[in-house]
Every structure is written in structure tokens, then in C-alpha cells.
């Protein structure tokens, strides 16, 4: 069957889950409660909200009602009042990851089959077994592939959004993973093909324009006062706004127009050379530069 996140009749109410102090109603596909044996198949990789994908995340938000999915993402965004993005990426003990693990236990997930891919999208490891134990083995293995150490914050961070660059909505993850190693006032250069443009969903595109108009603090006030509807796109935009408050974003792409990029608060370039020249013009002749091969890495300062 194809999971329909908008079909309330296909859901079972499992009560409330706590996500870092934010209660969310846990509505999941009732098929999880009707079958004797449940296997979750997926991939384990760094995730900007839940720390790591795979495992229980295949249940929450994988097969939940859209209201649960929306509230799950909003809970993560609202936690940015207490934490910054550095806290979440690659954190196996974060509040969203704990909620994912609890969700899997509640629905009685029996087993996972999760793969770890390398940065070239080849299978590097396969992990099978208990939803929590096998997932943690996969995370330990993936950490050796994806964690990169840096001695200091860089003036310029060049990051490839591949393999998550089908549109700008996905490519924004490259900005988020750069947050921890770009200095205040620095520049992030995102390489992203974006063949599908900004995003296929009109709601997401409308909220993207908020990035060209408002700071993180302004958006947080809008959300808390109900002036910005609680949606997944509002949550993601709030996260990216935290990056924009710290650094300027350049994007090298032929998938969006200059006008579209300006409305999202970013500068578009045709080539990496052009973007680098502009960044060097901004930061001087000898800026520090960091290069991230993929948006799936976990960059961290050596002191962390």
C-alpha cells in the first residue's frame, strides 16, 4: 500500500509524544498495529533535525498523519530558541531522535534493514536487526564516513549539495550543515544543479521568500504569535534563517533565475569561479576556506 498522510481514517491514535518538551499527537498508519511482523527499510545518514535518518525515523515521521509530521518539524524549529543547528546535526541523543526511537517502540517495530551509503552513493554497509541496536551500529559506522574535523571556522565554505540537490528546497540542507564551521559574517557557496527549480510546492515557495525579508528572530516571533501558520515549510525556513543570520549564501546553479534567488535572499552565479571571485572580493586576498564534499557530512570544529 502507499501511505496517505492525509487519510485520517487510515491512522491509529497512539496518544502523545514528547519532543523536547513539545507535545505532539502521535497518529501513525494503523497497518503497523494490524500486522504480526514489521520491518523498516531505509538509509542511515546525518540529518539536520533528527541527528540521523533511518531506524525509528522511518515510523516518525515516515508513516504518520500530516498533522503529526507537521508538529514534529515545528517542535524541532521551536527548540532553536534553546539550541542552534550545531546541536542537532549528527546528534544521536537529540530530542527529535529520541521521539523517533520512542515511536518505533510504541508501534512495535520488529526489525530494520538499513544501509549506509558513502558520499558517492555506493553501499558501504548494511545493518539488520533490532530497531535500536542495529541503528546505533549503523550510526557508529556512518560517523566514521561522514564526520569531518576542522581546526577553525572559515571565512568561506564551499559545499556541494549533492546528492540532495534536485531542487533548492533540498539543497538548503547544504547551508545548514555549513552552519557550524562558517564564521559570523562569512560566505557559504552552495553547488546545486536544482533541475526542478526552487520547489514543486507553491506553499514552500511562498515561505522561501520570507528568507529574503526577515531575520530568524522576526520569523520566530511571527510563528509564536500565530502570524505564520505552523507548517513544515515554516519550520524549515526558520532553521535556514538561523544560517542566514550568521553568513551570506551564494549559489552556483542553472536551475533558478537571478530574480528567484534574490527573493530567497541568496546570490546566484553561473560558475564556481565567479562565486569565488565575489567571495574573495568580500573577504580579502587571504580568507580561510573550507570545502565540504557533500551535504551529508557532519562538519565540526576540532574542539567540539
Foldseek 3Di string as FASTA:
>chain_A
DDADQADQVQWDWLQWDQQPNQIATWIFGCVLQVDDAAEAEEAWFWDQQLQIDAQLVCGVVVGHHQRRNLSLLQSSLLCCVPPASLCGTNDCPHRSNVRSNVRCVSSVHWKYWYFYAAQVRHTPDIFIGGSPPSNVVNSVVNQVRFEDADAAAFQEEEEEAPPQALEQLRSLLLLSLSQARHAAAHEYEYEHANQVYHDPDPVLLVLLLVQLPDALVVLSVCVVVVVDPRGSSSSVSSNSSPSVNRYAYEYAYPRYDQVSQNSNRHGYDPDPVVVVVVRCVVVDDDTGYHYHHHSRHRYHYPVD
